[in-house]
PDB file of N, CA and C in Angstrom:
ATOM      1  N   MET A   1      13.670  42.437  -9.926  1.00  0.00           N
ATOM      2  CA  MET A   1      14.199  41.732  -8.721  1.00  0.00           C
ATOM      3  C   MET A   1      13.751  40.306  -8.757  1.00  0.00           C
ATOM      4  N   PRO A   2      14.250  39.451  -8.564  1.00  0.00           N
ATOM      5  CA  PRO A   2      13.149  38.074  -8.931  1.00  0.00           C
ATOM      6  C   PRO A   2      11.625  37.863  -8.041  1.00  0.00           C
ATOM      7  N   GLU A   3      11.000  36.916  -8.842  1.00  0.00           N
ATOM      8  CA  GLU A   3       9.652  36.513  -8.817  1.00  0.00           C
ATOM      9  C   GLU A   3      10.029  34.588  -7.920  1.00  0.00           C
ATOM     10  N   TYR A   4       8.800  34.847  -6.844  1.00  0.00           N
ATOM     11  CA  TYR A   4       9.047  33.247  -6.607  1.00  0.00           C
ATOM     12  C   TYR A   4       7.394  32.744  -6.248  1.00  0.00           C
ATOM     13  N   LEU A   5       6.892  31.424  -6.771  1.00  0.00           N
ATOM     14  CA  LEU A   5       5.777  30.946  -6.669  1.00  0.00           C
ATOM     15  C   LEU A   5       6.198  29.627  -5.613  1.00  0.00           C
ATOM     16  N   ILE A   6       5.043  29.664  -4.868  1.00  0.00           N
ATOM     17  CA  ILE A   6       4.939  28.631  -3.847  1.00  0.00           C
ATOM     18  C   ILE A   6       4.199  27.871  -3.986  1.00  0.00           C
ATOM     19  N   GLY A   7       3.537  26.236  -4.537  1.00  0.00           N
ATOM     20  CA  GLY A   7       3.318  25.725  -4.907  1.00  0.00           C
ATOM     21  C   GLY A   7       2.944  24.869  -3.437  1.00  0.00           C
ATOM     22  N   LEU A   8       1.566  23.974  -3.500  1.00  0.00           N
ATOM     23  CA  LEU A   8       0.724  23.874  -2.281  1.00  0.00           C
ATOM     24  C   LEU A   8       0.328  22.249  -2.372  1.00  0.00           C
ATOM     25  N   ASP A   9       0.694  21.475  -2.282  1.00  0.00           N
ATOM     26  CA  ASP A   9      -0.131  19.430  -2.246  1.00  0.00           C
ATOM     27  C   ASP A   9      -1.188  19.272  -0.875  1.00  0.00           C
ATOM     28  N   ILE A  10      -2.149  18.841  -0.613  1.00  0.00           N
ATOM     29  CA  ILE A  10      -2.651  18.848   0.264  1.00  0.00           C
ATOM     30  C   ILE A  10      -2.875  17.626   0.192  1.00  0.00           C
ATOM     31  N   GLY A  11      -2.265  16.676   0.611  1.00  0.00           N
ATOM     32  CA  GLY A  11      -2.802  16.075   0.419  1.00  0.00           C
ATOM     33  C   GLY A  11      -3.437  14.969   1.531  1.00  0.00           C
ATOM     34  N   THR A  12      -3.710  13.241   1.462  1.00  0.00           N
ATOM     35  CA  THR A  12      -4.923  13.009   3.041  1.00  0.00           C
ATOM     36  C   THR A  12      -4.135  12.321   3.829  1.00  0.00           C
ATOM     37  N   SER A  13      -2.242  12.946   4.022  1.00  0.00           N
ATOM     38  CA  SER A  13      -1.707  11.946   4.969  1.00  0.00           C
ATOM     39  C   SER A  13      -0.373  12.791   5.243  1.00  0.00           C
ATOM     40  N   VAL A  14      -0.601  13.813   3.459  1.00  0.00           N
ATOM     41  CA  VAL A  14       0.937  15.060   3.687  1.00  0.00           C
ATOM     42  C   VAL A  14       0.603  16.030   3.092  1.00  0.00           C
ATOM     43  N   THR A  15       1.108  17.251   4.056  1.00  0.00           N
ATOM     44  CA  THR A  15       1.030  18.420   3.224  1.00  0.00           C
ATOM     45  C   THR A  15       1.678  19.667   3.217  1.00  0.00           C
ATOM     46  N   LYS A  16       2.341  19.510   1.773  1.00  0.00           N
ATOM     47  CA  LYS A  16       3.806  20.092   1.295  1.00  0.00           C
ATOM     48  C   LYS A  16       3.623  21.122   0.345  1.00  0.00           C
ATOM     49  N   ALA A  17       4.824  22.040   0.427  1.00  0.00           N
ATOM     50  CA  ALA A  17       4.622  22.970  -0.665  1.00  0.00           C
ATOM     51  C   ALA A  17       6.992  23.594  -0.706  1.00  0.00           C
ATOM     52  N   ALA A  18       6.144  23.981  -2.025  1.00  0.00           N
ATOM     53  CA  ALA A  18       7.869  24.151  -2.587  1.00  0.00           C
ATOM     54  C   ALA A  18       7.451  25.133  -2.560  1.00  0.00           C
ATOM     55  N   LEU A  19       8.895  26.139  -2.981  1.00  0.00           N
ATOM     56  CA  LEU A  19       8.993  27.476  -3.450  1.00  0.00           C
ATOM     57  C   LEU A  19      10.041  27.348  -4.931  1.00  0.00           C
ATOM     58  N   PHE A  20       9.530  27.930  -5.560  1.00  0.00           N
ATOM     59  CA  PHE A  20       9.762  27.992  -7.438  1.00  0.00           C
ATOM     60  C   PHE A  20      10.335  29.271  -6.932  1.00  0.00           C
ATOM     61  N   ASP A  21      11.269  29.399  -8.758  1.00  0.00           N
ATOM     62  CA  ASP A  21      11.531  30.446  -9.392  1.00  0.00           C
ATOM     63  C   ASP A  21      10.697  30.899 -10.141  1.00  0.00           C
ATOM     64  N   ARG A  22      10.145  31.852 -11.240  1.00  0.00           N
ATOM     65  CA  ARG A  22       9.523  31.743 -11.860  1.00  0.00           C
ATOM     66  C   ARG A  22      10.181  31.065 -13.227  1.00  0.00           C
ATOM     67  N   ALA A  23      11.730  30.930 -13.190  1.00  0.00           N
ATOM     68  CA  ALA A  23      11.547  29.566 -14.426  1.00  0.00           C
ATOM     69  C   ALA A  23      12.188  28.250 -14.405  1.00  0.00           C
ATOM     70  N   GLY A  24      11.058  28.464 -13.105  1.00  0.00           N
ATOM     71  CA  GLY A  24      10.738  26.793 -12.963  1.00  0.00           C
ATOM     72  C   GLY A  24      11.920  26.295 -11.860  1.00  0.00           C
ATOM     73  N   ALA A  25      12.512  26.921 -11.553  1.00  0.00           N
ATOM     74  CA  ALA A  25      14.191  26.315 -10.894  1.00  0.00           C
ATOM     75  C   ALA A  25      13.075  25.962  -9.110  1.00  0.00           C
ATOM     76  N   GLU A  26      13.618  24.559  -8.795  1.00  0.00           N
ATOM     77  CA  GLU A  26      12.941  24.315  -7.017  1.00  0.00           C
ATOM     78  C   GLU A  26      13.840  25.252  -6.173  1.00  0.00           C
ATOM     79  N   PHE A  27      13.803  26.213  -5.724  1.00  0.00           N
ATOM     80  CA  PHE A  27      14.715  26.454  -4.222  1.00  0.00           C
ATOM     81  C   PHE A  27      14.145  26.034  -2.685  1.00  0.00           C
ATOM     82  N   ALA A  28      12.941  25.473  -2.819  1.00  0.00           N
ATOM     83  CA  ALA A  28      12.824  24.448  -0.901  1.00  0.00           C
ATOM     84  C   ALA A  28      11.966  24.099  -0.947  1.00  0.00           C
ATOM     85  N   VAL A  29      12.008  22.547   0.159  1.00  0.00           N
ATOM     86  CA  VAL A  29      10.588  22.166  -0.334  1.00  0.00           C
ATOM     87  C   VAL A  29      10.184  21.553   1.304  1.00  0.00           C
ATOM     88  N   ALA A  30       8.977  21.662   1.763  1.00  0.00           N
ATOM     89  CA  ALA A  30       8.923  21.649   2.883  1.00  0.00           C
ATOM     90  C   ALA A  30       7.355  20.649   3.645  1.00  0.00           C
ATOM     91  N   SER A  31       7.520  19.691   4.571  1.00  0.00           N
ATOM     92  CA  SER A  31       6.484  19.028   4.671  1.00  0.00           C
ATOM     93  C   SER A  31       6.115  18.726   6.010  1.00  0.00           C
ATOM     94  N   ARG A  32       4.800  18.496   6.523  1.00  0.00           N
ATOM     95  CA  ARG A  32       3.840  18.825   7.474  1.00  0.00           C
ATOM     96  C   ARG A  32       2.960  16.835   7.110  1.00  0.00           C
ATOM     97  N   ARG A  33       3.099  16.058   8.077  1.00  0.00           N
ATOM     98  CA  ARG A  33       2.157  14.949   8.217  1.00  0.00           C
ATOM     99  C   ARG A  33       0.942  15.906   8.523  1.00  0.00           C
ATOM    100  N   THR A  34      -0.345  14.935   8.084  1.00  0.00           N
ATOM    101  CA  THR A  34      -1.808  15.645   8.837  1.00  0.00           C
ATOM    102  C   THR A  34      -2.712  13.998   9.042  1.00  0.00           C
ATOM    103  N   ARG A  35      -3.683  14.696   9.696  1.00  0.00           N
ATOM    104  CA  ARG A  35      -4.435  12.864   9.831  1.00  0.00           C
ATOM    105  C   ARG A  35      -5.635  13.093   9.369  1.00  0.00           C
ATOM    106  N   THR A  36      -6.130  12.205   8.877  1.00  0.00           N
ATOM    107  CA  THR A  36      -6.956  11.456   7.953  1.00  0.00           C
ATOM    108  C   THR A  36      -8.049  11.114   8.999  1.00  0.00           C
ATOM    109  N   LEU A  37      -9.254  11.495   9.413  1.00  0.00           N
ATOM    110  CA  LEU A  37      -9.982  11.051  10.597  1.00  0.00           C
ATOM    111  C   LEU A  37     -11.456   9.624  10.446  1.00  0.00           C
ATOM    112  N   SER A  38     -11.151   9.257  11.203  1.00  0.00           N
ATOM    113  CA  SER A  38     -13.169   8.261  10.533  1.00  0.00           C
ATOM    114  C   SER A  38     -13.583   8.263  11.804  1.00  0.00           C
ATOM    115  N   PRO A  39     -14.892   8.539  11.515  1.00  0.00           N
ATOM    116  CA  PRO A  39     -15.867   8.593  12.317  1.00  0.00           C
ATOM    117  C   PRO A  39     -16.719   7.692  12.156  1.00  0.00           C
ATOM    118  N   ALA A  40     -16.968   6.539  10.999  1.00  0.00           N
ATOM    119  CA  ALA A  40     -17.350   5.955  10.774  1.00  0.00           C
ATOM    120  C   ALA A  40     -16.878   5.141   9.940  1.00  0.00           C
ATOM    121  N   PRO A  41     -17.242   3.522  10.196  1.00  0.00           N
ATOM    122  CA  PRO A  41     -16.851   2.513   8.439  1.00  0.00           C
ATOM    123  C   PRO A  41     -17.232   3.057   7.511  1.00  0.00           C
ATOM    124  N   GLY A  42     -15.958   3.273   6.789  1.00  0.00           N
ATOM    125  CA  GLY A  42     -15.975   4.031   5.913  1.00  0.00           C
ATOM    126  C   GLY A  42     -16.331   4.965   5.107  1.00  0.00           C
ATOM    127  N   TRP A  43     -16.291   5.973   6.593  1.00  0.00           N
ATOM    128  CA  TRP A  43     -15.994   7.727   6.228  1.00  0.00           C
ATOM    129  C   TRP A  43     -14.262   7.683   6.381  1.00  0.00           C
ATOM    130  N   PHE A  44     -14.297   8.627   6.228  1.00  0.00           N
ATOM    131  CA  PHE A  44     -12.752   9.802   5.651  1.00  0.00           C
ATOM    132  C   PHE A  44     -12.508  10.953   5.667  1.00  0.00           C
ATOM    133  N   GLU A  45     -12.369  11.648   7.343  1.00  0.00           N
ATOM    134  CA  GLU A  45     -12.301  13.315   6.481  1.00  0.00           C
ATOM    135  C   GLU A  45     -11.437  14.205   7.493  1.00  0.00           C
ATOM    136  N   MET A  46     -11.076  15.131   7.196  1.00  0.00           N
ATOM    137  CA  MET A  46      -9.976  15.753   7.389  1.00  0.00           C
ATOM    138  C   MET A  46     -10.601  17.335   8.364  1.00  0.00           C
ATOM    139  N   ASP A  47      -9.984  17.455   9.702  1.00  0.00           N
ATOM    140  CA  ASP A  47     -10.127  18.675  10.517  1.00  0.00           C
ATOM    141  C   ASP A  47      -9.822  20.244   9.307  1.00  0.00           C
ATOM    142  N   ALA A  48     -10.218  20.475   9.186  1.00  0.00           N
ATOM    143  CA  ALA A  48     -10.452  21.572   8.134  1.00  0.00           C
ATOM    144  C   ALA A  48      -9.052  22.733   8.941  1.00  0.00           C
ATOM    145  N   GLU A  49      -9.101  23.013  10.406  1.00  0.00           N
ATOM    146  CA  GLU A  49      -7.768  23.847  11.432  1.00  0.00           C
ATOM    147  C   GLU A  49      -6.444  23.058  11.116  1.00  0.00           C
ATOM    148  N   GLU A  50      -7.123  21.855  10.809  1.00  0.00           N
ATOM    149  CA  GLU A  50      -5.633  21.320  11.172  1.00  0.00           C
ATOM    150  C   GLU A  50      -4.725  21.305   9.575  1.00  0.00           C
ATOM    151  N   LEU A  51      -5.491  21.293   8.657  1.00  0.00           N
ATOM    152  CA  LEU A  51      -5.028  21.823   7.405  1.00  0.00           C
ATOM    153  C   LEU A  51      -4.164  22.740   6.964  1.00  0.00           C
ATOM    154  N   TRP A  52      -5.607  23.903   7.651  1.00  0.00           N
ATOM    155  CA  TRP A  52      -4.937  25.168   7.733  1.00  0.00           C
ATOM    156  C   TRP A  52      -3.551  25.819   8.226  1.00  0.00           C
ATOM    157  N   ARG A  53      -3.685  24.871   9.381  1.00  0.00           N
ATOM    158  CA  ARG A  53      -2.001  24.990  10.173  1.00  0.00           C
ATOM    159  C   ARG A  53      -0.941  24.370   9.644  1.00  0.00           C
ATOM    160  N   ALA A  54      -1.461  23.068   9.290  1.00  0.00           N
ATOM    161  CA  ALA A  54      -0.324  22.757   8.104  1.00  0.00           C
ATOM    162  C   ALA A  54       0.097  23.397   6.830  1.00  0.00           C
ATOM    163  N   VAL A  55      -0.644  24.253   6.227  1.00  0.00           N
ATOM    164  CA  VAL A  55      -1.087  25.466   4.684  1.00  0.00           C
ATOM    165  C   VAL A  55       0.367  26.046   5.772  1.00  0.00           C
ATOM    166  N   VAL A  56       0.633  26.993   6.155  1.00  0.00           N
ATOM    167  CA  VAL A  56       0.619  28.220   7.453  1.00  0.00           C
ATOM    168  C   VAL A  56       1.491  27.394   7.725  1.00  0.00           C
ATOM    169  N   ASP A  57       1.970  26.434   8.326  1.00  0.00           N
ATOM    170  CA  ASP A  57       3.433  26.070   8.646  1.00  0.00           C
ATOM    171  C   ASP A  57       4.457  25.632   7.685  1.00  0.00           C
ATOM    172  N   VAL A  58       4.373  25.071   5.860  1.00  0.00           N
ATOM    173  CA  VAL A  58       4.596  24.406   5.115  1.00  0.00           C
ATOM    174  C   VAL A  58       5.263  26.158   4.192  1.00  0.00           C
ATOM    175  N   SER A  59       4.075  26.710   4.374  1.00  0.00           N
ATOM    176  CA  SER A  59       4.431  28.016   3.727  1.00  0.00           C
ATOM    177  C   SER A  59       5.359  28.360   4.222  1.00  0.00           C
ATOM    178  N   ARG A  60       5.264  28.279   5.670  1.00  0.00           N
ATOM    179  CA  ARG A  60       6.406  29.466   6.597  1.00  0.00           C
ATOM    180  C   ARG A  60       8.182  29.059   6.001  1.00  0.00           C
ATOM    181  N   ASP A  61       7.622  27.582   6.270  1.00  0.00           N
ATOM    182  CA  ASP A  61       8.920  26.408   6.461  1.00  0.00           C
ATOM    183  C   ASP A  61      10.201  26.867   5.267  1.00  0.00           C
ATOM    184  N   VAL A  62       8.828  26.988   3.847  1.00  0.00           N
ATOM    185  CA  VAL A  62       9.489  26.371   2.878  1.00  0.00           C
ATOM    186  C   VAL A  62      10.432  27.919   2.167  1.00  0.00           C
ATOM    187  N   VAL A  63      10.063  29.423   2.972  1.00  0.00           N
ATOM    188  CA  VAL A  63      10.737  30.447   2.954  1.00  0.00           C
ATOM    189  C   VAL A  63      11.161  30.415   3.396  1.00  0.00           C
ATOM    190  N   LEU A  64      11.127  30.516   4.669  1.00  0.00           N
ATOM    191  CA  LEU A  64      12.603  30.446   5.781  1.00  0.00           C
ATOM    192  C   LEU A  64      13.602  29.490   5.038  1.00  0.00           C
ATOM    193  N   LYS A  65      13.740  28.253   4.605  1.00  0.00           N
ATOM    194  CA  LYS A  65      14.463  27.438   4.287  1.00  0.00           C
ATOM    195  C   LYS A  65      15.439  28.200   2.820  1.00  0.00           C
ATOM    196  N   SER A  66      14.190  28.126   2.279  1.00  0.00           N
ATOM    197  CA  SER A  66      15.361  28.526   0.711  1.00  0.00           C
ATOM    198  C   SER A  66      16.000  30.289   1.228  1.00  0.00           C
ATOM    199  N   GLY A  67      15.253  30.858   2.563  1.00  0.00           N
ATOM    200  CA  GLY A  67      16.569  32.130   2.474  1.00  0.00           C
ATOM    201  C   GLY A  67      15.706  33.315   1.311  1.00  0.00           C
ATOM    202  N   VAL A  68      14.947  33.244   0.538  1.00  0.00           N
ATOM    203  CA  VAL A  68      14.338  34.743   0.434  1.00  0.00           C
ATOM    204  C   VAL A  68      13.528  35.128   0.604  1.00  0.00           C
ATOM    205  N   ASN A  69      13.568  36.470   0.845  1.00  0.00           N
ATOM    206  CA  ASN A  69      12.963  37.830   1.436  1.00  0.00           C
ATOM    207  C   ASN A  69      11.543  37.641   1.245  1.00  0.00           C
ATOM    208  N   PRO A  70      10.825  37.358   2.224  1.00  0.00           N
ATOM    209  CA  PRO A  70       9.316  37.370   1.424  1.00  0.00           C
ATOM    210  C   PRO A  70       8.710  38.599   1.736  1.00  0.00           C
ATOM    211  N   LEU A  71       8.999  39.731   2.617  1.00  0.00           N
ATOM    212  CA  LEU A  71       9.384  41.399   3.262  1.00  0.00           C
ATOM    213  C   LEU A  71       9.750  42.342   1.331  1.00  0.00           C
ATOM    214  N   ILE A  72       9.907  41.922   0.717  1.00  0.00           N
ATOM    215  CA  ILE A  72      10.032  42.602  -0.676  1.00  0.00           C
ATOM    216  C   ILE A  72       8.617  42.379  -1.862  1.00  0.00           C
ATOM    217  N   SER A  73       8.346  44.038  -1.829  1.00  0.00           N
ATOM    218  CA  SER A  73       7.045  43.547  -2.628  1.00  0.00           C
ATOM    219  C   SER A  73       7.589  44.997  -3.940  1.00  0.00           C
ATOM    220  N   ARG A  74       7.163  44.146  -4.932  1.00  0.00           N
ATOM    221  CA  ARG A  74       7.340  44.448  -6.013  1.00  0.00           C
ATOM    222  C   ARG A  74       6.658  45.963  -6.613  1.00  0.00           C
ATOM    223  N   GLY A  75       6.980  47.180  -6.351  1.00  0.00           N
ATOM    224  CA  GLY A  75       6.436  48.478  -6.255  1.00  0.00           C
ATOM    225  C   GLY A  75       5.875  48.113  -6.878  1.00  0.00           C
TER     226      GLY A  75
END
């Protein structure tokens, strides 16, 4: 049974996920824009809840786009 890996890139404006097989072939990519907050001059931060939601969303989206069955487990 094939094995897959999800790579995540959490940047300051976009969170991305890509699904690869063990040989490095890319199956799907998904991304979601995220906000950078500036509560004071020269300060930059990101909302942790928004980042977590983006990670969950892109992870789900990349699996759905790929058509890979995420429920198959290795015995």
